[in-house]
Amino acid sequence: MAIPTLRWALNRLADRREIESNVYSHRFRHTYACQLLDNGAPLDFIQGMLGHEKASTTQIYAQLRGERRREMYRRFFSI
């Protein structure tokens, strides 16, 4: 499916459900990658699923998830 077609379909679905936030295909890719990572998928598998040529591109997801974990730890376990 071409990217413009995917954008059009996502926007149409969002309009039908009266979703007010912006719906972007990249948000779905990011969520998909984070879900895979959270469920223990190795980075090389995620890299292949997303079609990244370089592992460093995929590692960004792992770094973001690590930062989020640290933020949550500080929020709920800090004295």
Protein backbone atom coordinates (compact mmCIF):
# COMPACT_ATOMS: atom_id res chain seq x y z
CA MET A 1 0.00 0.00 0.00
CA ALA A 2 1.38 3.41 -0.90
CA ILE A 3 2.00 5.88 1.94
CA PRO A 4 -0.50 8.49 0.65
CA THR A 5 -3.17 5.78 0.42
CA LEU A 6 -2.42 4.66 3.97
CA ARG A 7 -2.62 8.27 5.22
CA TRP A 8 -5.93 8.77 3.46
CA ALA A 9 -7.36 5.54 4.94
CA LEU A 10 -6.21 6.41 8.46
CA ASN A 11 -7.65 9.91 8.26
CA ARG A 12 -10.93 8.56 6.92
CA LEU A 13 -11.18 6.06 9.78
CA ALA A 14 -10.32 8.76 12.31
CA ASP A 15 -13.00 11.05 10.84
CA ARG A 16 -15.61 8.30 11.01
CA ARG A 17 -14.89 7.76 14.71
CA GLU A 18 -14.63 11.49 15.39
CA ILE A 19 -11.09 11.17 16.72
CA GLU A 20 -9.82 14.67 17.34
CA SER A 21 -6.11 13.95 17.73
CA ASN A 22 -3.91 13.77 14.66
CA VAL A 23 -3.55 10.26 13.32
CA TYR A 24 -0.24 9.52 11.64
CA SER A 25 1.00 6.28 10.13
CA HIS A 26 4.35 6.84 11.84
CA ARG A 27 2.60 6.74 15.21
CA PHE A 28 1.44 3.22 14.38
CA ARG A 29 4.98 2.18 13.38
CA HIS A 30 6.36 3.60 16.61
CA THR A 31 3.69 1.91 18.73
CA TYR A 32 4.25 -1.39 16.90
CA ALA A 33 8.00 -1.23 17.50
CA CYS A 34 7.57 -0.34 21.17
CA GLN A 35 5.08 -3.15 21.71
CA LEU A 36 7.48 -5.63 20.13
CA LEU A 37 10.30 -4.33 22.30
CA ASP A 38 8.19 -4.40 25.48
CA ASN A 39 7.24 -8.00 24.75
CA GLY A 40 10.86 -9.10 24.44
CA ALA A 41 11.44 -9.08 20.68
CA PRO A 42 15.13 -8.70 19.82
CA LEU A 43 16.24 -5.50 18.09
CA ASP A 44 17.37 -7.32 14.94
CA PHE A 45 13.85 -8.76 14.53
CA ILE A 46 12.28 -5.32 15.00
CA GLN A 47 14.81 -3.88 12.54
CA GLY A 48 13.69 -6.40 9.92
CA MET A 49 9.99 -5.83 10.58
CA LEU A 50 10.36 -2.06 10.21
CA GLY A 51 12.68 -2.32 7.23
CA HIS A 52 15.50 -0.31 8.77
CA GLU A 53 18.80 -0.63 6.96
CA LYS A 54 20.89 0.32 9.99
CA ALA A 55 20.62 -1.18 13.46
CA SER A 56 21.31 2.28 14.92
CA THR A 57 17.94 3.48 13.61
CA THR A 58 16.15 0.69 15.47
CA GLN A 59 18.20 1.23 18.63
CA ILE A 60 16.50 4.63 19.01
CA TYR A 61 13.36 2.76 20.10
CA ALA A 62 15.29 0.91 22.80
CA GLN A 63 16.82 4.16 24.06
CA LEU A 64 13.43 5.86 24.17
CA ARG A 65 11.98 2.96 26.07
CA GLY A 66 14.90 3.07 28.51
CA GLU A 67 14.36 6.78 29.12
CA ARG A 68 10.66 6.18 29.71
CA ARG A 69 11.46 3.42 32.20
CA ARG A 70 13.83 5.70 34.09
CA GLU A 71 11.22 8.45 34.12
CA MET A 72 8.58 6.10 35.53
CA TYR A 73 11.01 4.76 38.12
CA ARG A 74 11.83 8.28 39.30
CA ARG A 75 8.16 9.18 39.37
CA PHE A 76 6.96 6.22 41.41
CA PHE A 77 9.99 5.16 43.47
CA SER A 78 11.80 8.39 44.28
CA ILE A 79 11.89 9.42 47.88
